[in-house]
Amino acid sequence: MNKLSEDAAEQHIFQSLKAFPIDLRKIYPKSFCSRDRLKYGLIRTSEGKKLAVIGEKGLVLDDPFKGDCYHHSSTLKVCDLSAENTERLMILFPFTKPVSLRKHPITIGTGDRLGVATPGHIRAIQKYHVRPVLAQQSVRENTQTGRSFREVVQDAAWAVFQEDYQGG
């Protein structure tokens, strides 16, 4: 997709979300994708990053993600990036699950200590023939930052979804 069509797609998503009573601060256009007649993507509200699920009312209500629903000409479900929703993300979008990199000759540990830098790490490595180790923290680092290994994996999964990184 060229830059002009990316901008048009982002503007279309933004306009459709503006119809709902949410405090929309930002959208993450690379994350938006369609599956089973629903559109999924990440947004930022005043409460932080959220998963947006958009579509017909019945389909959105039946969707397994847990969140708050808003109705307009379509329905929007705004979901926290919780452990429960992360599990659902990994089922619906298997590319967000951790995978073994044993067979890849060149890897690089990115070490996102606080869980906010992984999207930048993904963008930085994409032009190279290297596979990132995105969830790479030691017990000592997790103790110092107050994070668990599960939270590290969750943050990496959502970052992979945000950047539509399907390289494992």
N, C-alpha and C. Protein backbone atom coordinates (compact mmCIF):
# COMPACT_ATOMS: atom_id res chain seq x y z
N MET A 1 0.85 -1.17 0.00
CA MET A 1 0.00 0.00 0.00
C MET A 1 0.89 1.23 0.00
N ASN A 2 0.62 2.19 -0.89
CA ASN A 2 1.44 3.40 -0.92
C ASN A 2 0.99 4.37 0.17
N LYS A 3 1.79 5.40 0.38
CA LYS A 3 1.56 6.34 1.47
C LYS A 3 0.20 7.04 1.35
N LEU A 4 -0.20 7.39 0.12
CA LEU A 4 -1.46 8.08 -0.09
C LEU A 4 -2.64 7.18 0.29
N SER A 5 -2.61 5.92 -0.14
CA SER A 5 -3.72 5.03 0.21
C SER A 5 -3.69 4.67 1.69
N GLU A 6 -2.51 4.61 2.31
CA GLU A 6 -2.43 4.42 3.76
C GLU A 6 -3.10 5.57 4.49
N ASP A 7 -2.82 6.80 4.06
CA ASP A 7 -3.42 7.97 4.68
C ASP A 7 -4.94 7.98 4.50
N ALA A 8 -5.41 7.59 3.31
CA ALA A 8 -6.86 7.55 3.05
C ALA A 8 -7.52 6.49 3.93
N ALA A 9 -6.88 5.33 4.06
CA ALA A 9 -7.43 4.26 4.91
C ALA A 9 -7.47 4.70 6.37
N GLU A 10 -6.41 5.36 6.82
CA GLU A 10 -6.38 5.86 8.19
C GLU A 10 -7.48 6.89 8.42
N GLN A 11 -7.67 7.78 7.46
CA GLN A 11 -8.71 8.80 7.59
C GLN A 11 -10.10 8.17 7.62
N HIS A 12 -10.32 7.14 6.81
CA HIS A 12 -11.61 6.44 6.80
C HIS A 12 -11.88 5.79 8.17
N ILE A 13 -10.89 5.12 8.72
CA ILE A 13 -11.04 4.49 10.04
C ILE A 13 -11.33 5.54 11.09
N PHE A 14 -10.56 6.64 11.04
CA PHE A 14 -10.73 7.71 12.02
C PHE A 14 -12.15 8.28 11.95
N GLN A 15 -12.65 8.54 10.73
CA GLN A 15 -13.99 9.10 10.57
C GLN A 15 -15.06 8.15 11.09
N SER A 16 -14.90 6.85 10.82
CA SER A 16 -15.92 5.90 11.30
C SER A 16 -15.90 5.80 12.83
N LEU A 17 -14.75 5.94 13.44
CA LEU A 17 -14.67 5.87 14.90
C LEU A 17 -15.14 7.15 15.58
N LYS A 18 -15.04 8.29 14.88
CA LYS A 18 -15.47 9.57 15.44
C LYS A 18 -16.96 9.62 15.74
N ALA A 19 -17.72 8.74 15.10
CA ALA A 19 -19.18 8.71 15.30
C ALA A 19 -19.56 8.18 16.68
N PHE A 20 -18.61 7.57 17.37
CA PHE A 20 -18.90 6.96 18.67
C PHE A 20 -18.46 7.86 19.82
N PRO A 21 -19.14 7.76 20.96
CA PRO A 21 -18.82 8.63 22.11
C PRO A 21 -17.60 8.13 22.91
N ILE A 22 -16.46 8.09 22.24
CA ILE A 22 -15.21 7.70 22.92
C ILE A 22 -14.22 8.84 22.75
N ASP A 23 -13.29 8.93 23.66
CA ASP A 23 -12.26 9.97 23.60
C ASP A 23 -11.10 9.43 22.77
N LEU A 24 -11.27 9.43 21.44
CA LEU A 24 -10.28 8.88 20.53
C LEU A 24 -9.10 9.83 20.40
N ARG A 25 -7.92 9.35 20.75
CA ARG A 25 -6.71 10.16 20.67
C ARG A 25 -5.85 9.78 19.46
N LYS A 26 -5.86 8.48 19.13
CA LYS A 26 -4.97 8.00 18.06
C LYS A 26 -5.48 6.66 17.57
N ILE A 27 -5.20 6.39 16.29
CA ILE A 27 -5.43 5.04 15.78
C ILE A 27 -4.08 4.49 15.31
N TYR A 28 -3.97 3.18 15.31
CA TYR A 28 -2.77 2.49 14.86
C TYR A 28 -3.16 1.77 13.57
N PRO A 29 -3.02 2.44 12.41
CA PRO A 29 -3.58 1.93 11.16
C PRO A 29 -3.04 0.58 10.72
N LYS A 30 -1.78 0.26 11.01
CA LYS A 30 -1.23 -1.04 10.60
C LYS A 30 -1.96 -2.19 11.29
N SER A 31 -2.55 -1.93 12.43
CA SER A 31 -3.21 -3.00 13.19
C SER A 31 -4.58 -3.34 12.64
N PHE A 32 -5.19 -2.44 11.87
CA PHE A 32 -6.56 -2.67 11.44
C PHE A 32 -6.62 -3.74 10.36
N CYS A 33 -7.46 -4.73 10.61
CA CYS A 33 -7.63 -5.85 9.69
C CYS A 33 -9.05 -6.39 9.83
N SER A 34 -9.47 -7.13 8.83
CA SER A 34 -10.82 -7.71 8.84
C SER A 34 -10.73 -9.21 9.04
N ARG A 35 -11.67 -9.72 9.79
CA ARG A 35 -11.78 -11.16 10.02
C ARG A 35 -13.23 -11.46 10.33
N ASP A 36 -13.81 -12.42 9.62
CA ASP A 36 -15.19 -12.85 9.85
C ASP A 36 -16.17 -11.67 9.89
N ARG A 37 -16.06 -10.78 8.91
CA ARG A 37 -16.95 -9.63 8.73
C ARG A 37 -16.85 -8.59 9.86
N LEU A 38 -15.80 -8.66 10.66
CA LEU A 38 -15.54 -7.65 11.68
C LEU A 38 -14.20 -6.99 11.38
N LYS A 39 -14.05 -5.76 11.83
CA LYS A 39 -12.78 -5.06 11.70
C LYS A 39 -12.19 -4.91 13.09
N TYR A 40 -10.91 -5.26 13.21
CA TYR A 40 -10.18 -5.20 14.48
C TYR A 40 -9.00 -4.25 14.33
N GLY A 41 -8.70 -3.51 15.38
CA GLY A 41 -7.53 -2.65 15.35
C GLY A 41 -7.31 -1.98 16.69
N LEU A 42 -6.12 -1.43 16.85
CA LEU A 42 -5.78 -0.75 18.10
C LEU A 42 -6.01 0.75 17.98
N ILE A 43 -6.52 1.31 19.07
CA ILE A 43 -6.72 2.75 19.18
C ILE A 43 -6.16 3.21 20.52
N ARG A 44 -5.99 4.51 20.65
CA ARG A 44 -5.61 5.08 21.95
C ARG A 44 -6.73 6.03 22.36
N THR A 45 -7.18 5.86 23.59
CA THR A 45 -8.16 6.77 24.18
C THR A 45 -7.48 7.46 25.36
N SER A 46 -8.21 8.27 26.08
CA SER A 46 -7.64 8.93 27.26
C SER A 46 -7.26 7.91 28.32
N GLU A 47 -7.80 6.69 28.22
CA GLU A 47 -7.48 5.62 29.17
C GLU A 47 -6.35 4.72 28.71
N GLY A 48 -5.74 5.01 27.55
CA GLY A 48 -4.64 4.20 27.04
C GLY A 48 -5.03 3.42 25.80
N LYS A 49 -4.15 2.48 25.41
CA LYS A 49 -4.41 1.66 24.24
C LYS A 49 -5.55 0.70 24.49
N LYS A 50 -6.35 0.52 23.45
CA LYS A 50 -7.51 -0.37 23.51
C LYS A 50 -7.64 -1.09 22.18
N LEU A 51 -8.30 -2.24 22.21
CA LEU A 51 -8.67 -2.94 21.00
C LEU A 51 -10.05 -2.47 20.59
N ALA A 52 -10.21 -2.11 19.32
CA ALA A 52 -11.51 -1.73 18.77
C ALA A 52 -11.99 -2.88 17.88
N VAL A 53 -13.25 -3.26 18.08
CA VAL A 53 -13.90 -4.26 17.23
C VAL A 53 -15.13 -3.57 16.64
N ILE A 54 -15.22 -3.53 15.32
CA ILE A 54 -16.27 -2.78 14.64
C ILE A 54 -17.01 -3.68 13.67
N GLY A 55 -18.33 -3.55 13.65
CA GLY A 55 -19.12 -4.31 12.69
C GLY A 55 -20.59 -4.29 13.02
N GLU A 56 -21.32 -5.24 12.44
CA GLU A 56 -22.75 -5.37 12.72
C GLU A 56 -22.95 -5.73 14.18
N LYS A 57 -24.02 -5.21 14.76
CA LYS A 57 -24.30 -5.36 16.19
C LYS A 57 -24.20 -6.82 16.66
N GLY A 58 -24.93 -7.72 16.00
CA GLY A 58 -24.94 -9.12 16.43
C GLY A 58 -23.57 -9.76 16.39
N LEU A 59 -22.80 -9.46 15.35
CA LEU A 59 -21.45 -10.02 15.22
C LEU A 59 -20.52 -9.50 16.31
N VAL A 60 -20.61 -8.19 16.57
CA VAL A 60 -19.75 -7.59 17.60
C VAL A 60 -20.11 -8.14 18.98
N LEU A 61 -21.40 -8.25 19.26
CA LEU A 61 -21.83 -8.77 20.57
C LEU A 61 -21.41 -10.22 20.76
N ASP A 62 -21.37 -11.00 19.68
CA ASP A 62 -20.96 -12.41 19.76
C ASP A 62 -19.44 -12.59 19.77
N ASP A 63 -18.71 -11.54 19.42
CA ASP A 63 -17.25 -11.61 19.39
C ASP A 63 -16.72 -11.96 20.78
N PRO A 64 -15.67 -12.79 20.87
CA PRO A 64 -15.21 -13.24 22.19
C PRO A 64 -14.47 -12.20 23.04
N PHE A 65 -14.02 -11.09 22.45
CA PHE A 65 -13.31 -10.09 23.23
C PHE A 65 -14.27 -9.43 24.21
N LYS A 66 -13.77 -9.14 25.41
CA LYS A 66 -14.58 -8.48 26.45
C LYS A 66 -14.32 -6.99 26.41
N GLY A 67 -15.43 -6.21 26.37
CA GLY A 67 -15.28 -4.77 26.34
C GLY A 67 -16.63 -4.07 26.39
N ASP A 68 -16.58 -2.75 26.28
CA ASP A 68 -17.78 -1.92 26.32
C ASP A 68 -18.25 -1.66 24.89
N CYS A 69 -19.56 -1.78 24.68
CA CYS A 69 -20.14 -1.61 23.34
C CYS A 69 -20.83 -0.26 23.19
N TYR A 70 -20.71 0.28 21.98
CA TYR A 70 -21.35 1.53 21.61
C TYR A 70 -22.05 1.29 20.27
N HIS A 71 -23.25 1.83 20.14
CA HIS A 71 -24.03 1.58 18.93
C HIS A 71 -24.26 2.88 18.16
N HIS A 72 -24.13 2.77 16.86
CA HIS A 72 -24.40 3.86 15.91
C HIS A 72 -24.91 3.15 14.67
N SER A 73 -24.50 3.55 13.48
CA SER A 73 -24.91 2.80 12.29
C SER A 73 -24.24 1.42 12.27
N SER A 74 -23.14 1.30 13.00
CA SER A 74 -22.51 0.01 13.25
C SER A 74 -22.27 -0.06 14.76
N THR A 75 -21.65 -1.12 15.21
CA THR A 75 -21.37 -1.26 16.63
C THR A 75 -19.87 -1.29 16.85
N LEU A 76 -19.44 -0.65 17.91
CA LEU A 76 -18.03 -0.61 18.31
C LEU A 76 -17.91 -1.23 19.70
N LYS A 77 -16.96 -2.15 19.84
CA LYS A 77 -16.62 -2.69 21.16
C LYS A 77 -15.19 -2.22 21.46
N VAL A 78 -15.01 -1.58 22.61
CA VAL A 78 -13.71 -1.09 23.03
C VAL A 78 -13.24 -1.98 24.18
N CYS A 79 -12.10 -2.63 23.97
CA CYS A 79 -11.63 -3.67 24.89
C CYS A 79 -10.28 -3.33 25.49
N ASP A 80 -10.13 -3.61 26.78
CA ASP A 80 -8.83 -3.48 27.44
C ASP A 80 -7.87 -4.52 26.88
N LEU A 81 -6.58 -4.25 26.99
CA LEU A 81 -5.56 -5.20 26.56
C LEU A 81 -5.22 -6.11 27.74
N SER A 82 -6.23 -6.75 28.26
CA SER A 82 -6.12 -7.60 29.45
C SER A 82 -5.53 -8.96 29.11
N ALA A 83 -5.21 -9.72 30.15
CA ALA A 83 -4.70 -11.09 29.96
C ALA A 83 -5.74 -11.93 29.22
N GLU A 84 -6.99 -11.81 29.61
CA GLU A 84 -8.07 -12.57 28.99
C GLU A 84 -8.21 -12.21 27.50
N ASN A 85 -8.15 -10.93 27.19
CA ASN A 85 -8.24 -10.51 25.79
C ASN A 85 -6.98 -10.85 25.01
N THR A 86 -5.84 -10.90 25.68
CA THR A 86 -4.61 -11.32 25.00
C THR A 86 -4.72 -12.78 24.56
N GLU A 87 -5.27 -13.62 25.41
CA GLU A 87 -5.47 -15.02 25.04
C GLU A 87 -6.37 -15.13 23.82
N ARG A 88 -7.42 -14.33 23.77
CA ARG A 88 -8.32 -14.33 22.61
C ARG A 88 -7.59 -13.82 21.36
N LEU A 89 -6.75 -12.80 21.53
CA LEU A 89 -5.96 -12.27 20.42
C LEU A 89 -5.09 -13.36 19.81
N MET A 90 -4.41 -14.12 20.65
CA MET A 90 -3.51 -15.16 20.17
C MET A 90 -4.24 -16.29 19.46
N ILE A 91 -5.50 -16.52 19.83
CA ILE A 91 -6.30 -17.54 19.15
C ILE A 91 -6.76 -17.03 17.79
N LEU A 92 -7.30 -15.81 17.77
CA LEU A 92 -7.84 -15.25 16.53
C LEU A 92 -6.75 -14.84 15.55
N PHE A 93 -5.62 -14.37 16.07
CA PHE A 93 -4.50 -13.93 15.24
C PHE A 93 -3.25 -14.69 15.69
N PRO A 94 -3.07 -15.91 15.20
CA PRO A 94 -1.96 -16.77 15.67
C PRO A 94 -0.57 -16.16 15.51
N PHE A 95 -0.39 -15.22 14.60
CA PHE A 95 0.91 -14.60 14.44
C PHE A 95 1.34 -13.80 15.67
N THR A 96 0.42 -13.57 16.62
CA THR A 96 0.78 -12.84 17.84
C THR A 96 1.30 -13.77 18.95
N LYS A 97 1.26 -15.07 18.72
CA LYS A 97 1.76 -16.04 19.71
C LYS A 97 3.28 -16.11 19.66
N PRO A 98 3.91 -16.37 20.79
CA PRO A 98 5.36 -16.61 20.77
C PRO A 98 5.69 -17.85 19.94
N VAL A 99 6.81 -17.79 19.24
CA VAL A 99 7.27 -18.93 18.43
C VAL A 99 8.75 -19.16 18.70
N SER A 100 9.19 -20.36 18.41
CA SER A 100 10.60 -20.70 18.53
C SER A 100 11.37 -20.06 17.38
N LEU A 101 12.52 -19.51 17.68
CA LEU A 101 13.39 -18.93 16.66
C LEU A 101 14.64 -19.78 16.47
N ARG A 102 14.60 -21.00 16.96
CA ARG A 102 15.75 -21.90 16.92
C ARG A 102 16.31 -22.09 15.51
N LYS A 103 15.45 -22.12 14.52
CA LYS A 103 15.88 -22.40 13.14
C LYS A 103 16.36 -21.16 12.40
N HIS A 104 16.28 -20.03 13.04
CA HIS A 104 16.70 -18.79 12.38
C HIS A 104 18.14 -18.47 12.80
N PRO A 105 19.03 -18.30 11.81
CA PRO A 105 20.45 -18.13 12.14
C PRO A 105 20.80 -16.81 12.81
N ILE A 106 20.01 -15.76 12.54
CA ILE A 106 20.35 -14.46 13.11
C ILE A 106 19.14 -13.93 13.89
N THR A 107 19.34 -13.75 15.19
CA THR A 107 18.30 -13.17 16.04
C THR A 107 18.92 -12.01 16.82
N ILE A 108 18.05 -11.15 17.30
CA ILE A 108 18.51 -10.03 18.11
C ILE A 108 17.52 -9.84 19.25
N GLY A 109 18.03 -9.79 20.45
CA GLY A 109 17.19 -9.53 21.62
C GLY A 109 16.93 -8.04 21.72
N THR A 110 15.66 -7.68 21.80
CA THR A 110 15.32 -6.26 21.81
C THR A 110 15.14 -5.71 23.23
N GLY A 111 14.75 -6.56 24.16
CA GLY A 111 14.72 -6.16 25.56
C GLY A 111 13.88 -4.94 25.88
N ASP A 112 12.60 -4.97 25.59
CA ASP A 112 11.69 -3.87 25.90
C ASP A 112 11.36 -3.93 27.40
N ARG A 113 12.12 -3.24 28.22
CA ARG A 113 12.02 -3.35 29.67
C ARG A 113 10.65 -2.94 30.23
N LEU A 114 10.03 -1.91 29.63
CA LEU A 114 8.78 -1.39 30.17
C LEU A 114 7.55 -1.76 29.34
N GLY A 115 7.75 -2.43 28.21
CA GLY A 115 6.62 -2.86 27.40
C GLY A 115 6.06 -1.80 26.49
N VAL A 116 6.82 -0.77 26.18
CA VAL A 116 6.32 0.30 25.31
C VAL A 116 7.15 0.50 24.04
N ALA A 117 8.33 -0.09 23.97
CA ALA A 117 9.24 0.15 22.85
C ALA A 117 9.18 -0.88 21.74
N THR A 118 8.49 -2.00 21.95
CA THR A 118 8.48 -3.08 20.96
C THR A 118 8.02 -2.63 19.57
N PRO A 119 6.97 -1.80 19.43
CA PRO A 119 6.62 -1.37 18.07
C PRO A 119 7.80 -0.70 17.34
N GLY A 120 8.55 0.11 18.04
CA GLY A 120 9.74 0.73 17.44
C GLY A 120 10.81 -0.29 17.10
N HIS A 121 10.99 -1.28 17.96
CA HIS A 121 11.96 -2.34 17.68
C HIS A 121 11.56 -3.10 16.41
N ILE A 122 10.28 -3.39 16.27
CA ILE A 122 9.80 -4.11 15.08
C ILE A 122 10.06 -3.29 13.83
N ARG A 123 9.74 -2.00 13.87
CA ARG A 123 9.99 -1.15 12.70
C ARG A 123 11.47 -1.06 12.37
N ALA A 124 12.31 -1.04 13.40
CA ALA A 124 13.76 -0.90 13.19
C ALA A 124 14.39 -2.12 12.54
N ILE A 125 13.89 -3.32 12.81
CA ILE A 125 14.54 -4.52 12.28
C ILE A 125 13.96 -4.98 10.95
N GLN A 126 12.84 -4.44 10.52
CA GLN A 126 12.16 -4.98 9.35
C GLN A 126 12.96 -4.93 8.06
N LYS A 127 13.91 -4.04 7.93
CA LYS A 127 14.67 -3.99 6.68
C LYS A 127 15.90 -4.90 6.71
N TYR A 128 16.08 -5.65 7.77
CA TYR A 128 17.22 -6.54 7.91
C TYR A 128 16.77 -8.00 7.94
N HIS A 129 17.68 -8.90 7.62
CA HIS A 129 17.39 -10.34 7.67
C HIS A 129 17.73 -10.86 9.06
N VAL A 130 16.92 -10.44 10.02
CA VAL A 130 17.13 -10.80 11.41
C VAL A 130 15.76 -11.00 12.05
N ARG A 131 15.70 -11.88 13.02
CA ARG A 131 14.44 -12.11 13.74
C ARG A 131 14.59 -11.54 15.15
N PRO A 132 13.63 -10.73 15.57
CA PRO A 132 13.72 -10.15 16.91
C PRO A 132 13.22 -11.12 17.98
N VAL A 133 13.89 -11.11 19.11
CA VAL A 133 13.39 -11.80 20.31
C VAL A 133 12.71 -10.70 21.11
N LEU A 134 11.37 -10.66 21.02
CA LEU A 134 10.63 -9.52 21.55
C LEU A 134 10.34 -9.62 23.05
N ALA A 135 10.15 -10.81 23.55
CA ALA A 135 9.84 -11.00 24.98
C ALA A 135 11.09 -11.53 25.66
N GLN A 136 12.06 -10.66 25.86
CA GLN A 136 13.34 -11.08 26.40
C GLN A 136 13.69 -10.26 27.64
N GLN A 137 13.24 -10.73 28.78
CA GLN A 137 13.58 -10.09 30.04
C GLN A 137 13.99 -11.16 31.04
N SER A 138 14.94 -10.81 31.85
CA SER A 138 15.39 -11.73 32.89
C SER A 138 14.48 -11.58 34.12
N VAL A 139 14.60 -12.53 35.01
CA VAL A 139 13.87 -12.46 36.28
C VAL A 139 14.27 -11.18 37.02
N ARG A 140 15.56 -10.88 37.00
CA ARG A 140 16.06 -9.67 37.68
C ARG A 140 15.42 -8.41 37.09
N GLU A 141 15.36 -8.33 35.75
CA GLU A 141 14.75 -7.16 35.10
C GLU A 141 13.26 -7.06 35.44
N ASN A 142 12.58 -8.19 35.43
CA ASN A 142 11.16 -8.16 35.76
C ASN A 142 10.94 -7.74 37.21
N THR A 143 11.81 -8.18 38.09
CA THR A 143 11.71 -7.78 39.49
C THR A 143 11.91 -6.27 39.63
N GLN A 144 12.91 -5.75 38.92
CA GLN A 144 13.19 -4.31 38.99
C GLN A 144 12.07 -3.46 38.40
N THR A 145 11.42 -3.95 37.35
CA THR A 145 10.37 -3.17 36.70
C THR A 145 8.98 -3.49 37.23
N GLY A 146 8.86 -4.52 38.07
CA GLY A 146 7.57 -4.89 38.62
C GLY A 146 6.66 -5.58 37.63
N ARG A 147 7.24 -6.20 36.61
CA ARG A 147 6.46 -6.91 35.59
C ARG A 147 6.65 -8.42 35.74
N SER A 148 5.67 -9.17 35.27
CA SER A 148 5.79 -10.62 35.24
C SER A 148 6.13 -11.05 33.81
N PHE A 149 6.58 -12.30 33.67
CA PHE A 149 6.87 -12.80 32.33
C PHE A 149 5.60 -12.80 31.48
N ARG A 150 4.48 -13.13 32.10
CA ARG A 150 3.21 -13.13 31.38
C ARG A 150 2.90 -11.73 30.83
N GLU A 151 3.14 -10.70 31.62
CA GLU A 151 2.91 -9.32 31.14
C GLU A 151 3.86 -8.98 29.99
N VAL A 152 5.09 -9.46 30.05
CA VAL A 152 6.06 -9.21 28.98
C VAL A 152 5.55 -9.82 27.67
N VAL A 153 5.06 -11.06 27.75
CA VAL A 153 4.54 -11.74 26.56
C VAL A 153 3.28 -11.03 26.05
N GLN A 154 2.41 -10.63 26.95
CA GLN A 154 1.20 -9.90 26.55
C GLN A 154 1.55 -8.61 25.82
N ASP A 155 2.47 -7.83 26.38
CA ASP A 155 2.86 -6.57 25.74
C ASP A 155 3.45 -6.82 24.36
N ALA A 156 4.26 -7.88 24.23
CA ALA A 156 4.86 -8.21 22.93
C ALA A 156 3.77 -8.61 21.93
N ALA A 157 2.78 -9.39 22.37
CA ALA A 157 1.69 -9.82 21.49
C ALA A 157 0.92 -8.62 20.94
N TRP A 158 0.59 -7.67 21.80
CA TRP A 158 -0.16 -6.50 21.34
C TRP A 158 0.70 -5.62 20.42
N ALA A 159 2.00 -5.54 20.68
CA ALA A 159 2.89 -4.77 19.81
C ALA A 159 2.98 -5.40 18.43
N VAL A 160 3.07 -6.74 18.40
CA VAL A 160 3.10 -7.47 17.13
C VAL A 160 1.80 -7.20 16.35
N PHE A 161 0.67 -7.22 17.05
CA PHE A 161 -0.62 -6.92 16.41
C PHE A 161 -0.63 -5.48 15.91
N GLN A 162 -0.17 -4.55 16.73
CA GLN A 162 -0.17 -3.13 16.37
C GLN A 162 0.60 -2.89 15.08
N GLU A 163 1.74 -3.56 14.94
CA GLU A 163 2.61 -3.35 13.77
C GLU A 163 2.33 -4.32 12.64
N ASP A 164 1.36 -5.24 12.82
CA ASP A 164 1.05 -6.29 11.85
C ASP A 164 2.33 -7.04 11.47
N TYR A 165 3.13 -7.33 12.47
CA TYR A 165 4.38 -8.07 12.26
C TYR A 165 4.09 -9.56 12.30
N GLN A 166 4.28 -10.22 11.18
CA GLN A 166 3.95 -11.63 11.09
C GLN A 166 5.18 -12.50 10.86
N GLY A 167 6.34 -11.98 11.26
CA GLY A 167 7.60 -12.70 11.03
C GLY A 167 8.01 -13.63 12.15
N GLY A 168 7.17 -13.81 13.14
CA GLY A 168 7.51 -14.74 14.22
C GLY A 168 8.32 -14.12 15.32
